[in-house]
Amino acid sequence: MAEHVLDAKGLNCPLPILKAKKMLKSIPKDDVLVIYATDPGSVADFAAFCSQTGNELLESGQEGDTFVFKIKHTAD
């Protein structure tokens, strides 16, 4: 299982979600996408995104002003 990184810092909704969706389609199933974002709305957005798409939100946290999400690509 490999990790891929998406730097979405400085982007506002819906761009972090759209970029994550596109990147998840390009990585192998069961790999993990690590997303760095600064939009406070991204916390609720990524939880809803994973719930709706069937991908697994492994981790959601904050490092300073940056929100960090780890999403496992599990959906088709």
C-alpha atoms as a PDB file:
ATOM      1  CA  MET A   1       0.000   0.000   0.000  1.00  0.00           C
ATOM      2  CA  ALA A   2       1.601   3.234  -1.176  1.00  0.00           C
ATOM      3  CA  GLU A   3       0.891   6.778  -0.064  1.00  0.00           C
ATOM      4  CA  HIS A   4       0.252   9.604  -2.508  1.00  0.00           C
ATOM      5  CA  VAL A   5       0.236  13.278  -1.491  1.00  0.00           C
ATOM      6  CA  LEU A   6      -2.092  16.087  -2.534  1.00  0.00           C
ATOM      7  CA  ASP A   7      -1.170  19.604  -1.413  1.00  0.00           C
ATOM      8  CA  ALA A   8      -4.449  21.549  -1.427  1.00  0.00           C
ATOM      9  CA  LYS A   9      -3.242  24.302   0.908  1.00  0.00           C
ATOM     10  CA  GLY A  10      -4.617  27.715  -0.003  1.00  0.00           C
ATOM     11  CA  LEU A  11      -7.514  26.254  -1.998  1.00  0.00           C
ATOM     12  CA  ASN A  12     -11.113  26.848  -0.966  1.00  0.00           C
ATOM     13  CA  CYS A  13     -14.156  24.614  -1.311  1.00  0.00           C
ATOM     14  CA  PRO A  14     -14.842  22.803  -3.583  1.00  0.00           C
ATOM     15  CA  LEU A  15     -11.321  22.639  -5.063  1.00  0.00           C
ATOM     16  CA  PRO A  16      -9.725  20.335  -2.430  1.00  0.00           C
ATOM     17  CA  ILE A  17     -12.535  17.794  -2.901  1.00  0.00           C
ATOM     18  CA  LEU A  18     -12.430  18.011  -6.692  1.00  0.00           C
ATOM     19  CA  LYS A  19      -8.657  17.554  -6.793  1.00  0.00           C
ATOM     20  CA  ALA A  20      -8.835  14.647  -4.332  1.00  0.00           C
ATOM     21  CA  LYS A  21     -11.573  12.969  -6.371  1.00  0.00           C
ATOM     22  CA  LYS A  22      -9.494  13.258  -9.537  1.00  0.00           C
ATOM     23  CA  MET A  23      -6.348  11.974  -7.844  1.00  0.00           C
ATOM     24  CA  LEU A  24      -8.138   9.023  -6.225  1.00  0.00           C
ATOM     25  CA  LYS A  25      -9.198   7.888  -9.697  1.00  0.00           C
ATOM     26  CA  SER A  26      -5.547   7.837 -10.789  1.00  0.00           C
ATOM     27  CA  ILE A  27      -4.094   5.811  -7.897  1.00  0.00           C
ATOM     28  CA  PRO A  28      -4.367   2.046  -7.390  1.00  0.00           C
ATOM     29  CA  LYS A  29      -7.113   0.632  -5.224  1.00  0.00           C
ATOM     30  CA  ASP A  30      -6.075   0.208  -1.555  1.00  0.00           C
ATOM     31  CA  ASP A  31      -3.452   2.966  -1.834  1.00  0.00           C
ATOM     32  CA  VAL A  32      -3.729   5.960   0.506  1.00  0.00           C
ATOM     33  CA  LEU A  33      -4.101   9.596  -0.485  1.00  0.00           C
ATOM     34  CA  VAL A  34      -2.738  12.077   2.058  1.00  0.00           C
ATOM     35  CA  ILE A  35      -4.295  15.518   1.652  1.00  0.00           C
ATOM     36  CA  TYR A  36      -3.039  18.768   3.173  1.00  0.00           C
ATOM     37  CA  ALA A  37      -5.619  21.572   3.207  1.00  0.00           C
ATOM     38  CA  THR A  38      -6.096  24.920   4.927  1.00  0.00           C
ATOM     39  CA  ASP A  39      -9.829  25.438   4.317  1.00  0.00           C
ATOM     40  CA  PRO A  40     -11.638  24.812   7.656  1.00  0.00           C
ATOM     41  CA  GLY A  41     -14.662  23.560   5.716  1.00  0.00           C
ATOM     42  CA  SER A  42     -12.586  20.687   4.391  1.00  0.00           C
ATOM     43  CA  VAL A  43     -13.051  18.769   7.657  1.00  0.00           C
ATOM     44  CA  ALA A  44     -16.775  18.283   7.072  1.00  0.00           C
ATOM     45  CA  ASP A  45     -16.301  18.104   3.292  1.00  0.00           C
ATOM     46  CA  PHE A  46     -13.908  15.148   3.358  1.00  0.00           C
ATOM     47  CA  ALA A  47     -16.013  13.247   5.911  1.00  0.00           C
ATOM     48  CA  ALA A  48     -19.070  13.666   3.667  1.00  0.00           C
ATOM     49  CA  PHE A  49     -17.055  12.869   0.531  1.00  0.00           C
ATOM     50  CA  CYS A  50     -15.846   9.552   1.959  1.00  0.00           C
ATOM     51  CA  SER A  51     -19.306   8.670   3.207  1.00  0.00           C
ATOM     52  CA  GLN A  52     -20.817   9.343  -0.212  1.00  0.00           C
ATOM     53  CA  THR A  53     -18.118   7.707  -2.341  1.00  0.00           C
ATOM     54  CA  GLY A  54     -17.345   4.654  -0.228  1.00  0.00           C
ATOM     55  CA  ASN A  55     -13.676   5.533   0.218  1.00  0.00           C
ATOM     56  CA  GLU A  56     -12.319   5.089   3.739  1.00  0.00           C
ATOM     57  CA  LEU A  57     -11.302   8.111   5.816  1.00  0.00           C
ATOM     58  CA  LEU A  58      -8.432   6.622   7.803  1.00  0.00           C
ATOM     59  CA  GLU A  59      -7.375   9.772   9.584  1.00  0.00           C
ATOM     60  CA  SER A  60      -8.436  13.392   9.984  1.00  0.00           C
ATOM     61  CA  GLY A  61      -6.371  15.796  12.028  1.00  0.00           C
ATOM     62  CA  GLN A  62      -4.713  19.164  12.248  1.00  0.00           C
ATOM     63  CA  GLU A  63      -1.056  20.210  12.242  1.00  0.00           C
ATOM     64  CA  GLY A  64      -0.905  23.918  13.043  1.00  0.00           C
ATOM     65  CA  ASP A  65      -3.008  25.726  10.430  1.00  0.00           C
ATOM     66  CA  THR A  66      -3.074  22.706   8.127  1.00  0.00           C
ATOM     67  CA  PHE A  67      -5.698  19.969   8.096  1.00  0.00           C
ATOM     68  CA  VAL A  68      -4.432  16.497   7.211  1.00  0.00           C
ATOM     69  CA  PHE A  69      -6.605  13.721   5.808  1.00  0.00           C
ATOM     70  CA  LYS A  70      -5.686  10.155   4.926  1.00  0.00           C
ATOM     71  CA  ILE A  71      -8.117   8.480   2.567  1.00  0.00           C
ATOM     72  CA  LYS A  72      -7.845   4.858   1.486  1.00  0.00           C
ATOM     73  CA  HIS A  73      -9.001   4.310  -2.097  1.00  0.00           C
ATOM     74  CA  THR A  74     -11.592   1.569  -1.611  1.00  0.00           C
ATOM     75  CA  ALA A  75     -14.388   2.628  -3.976  1.00  0.00           C
ATOM     76  CA  ASP A  76     -14.611   1.579  -7.611  1.00  0.00           C
END
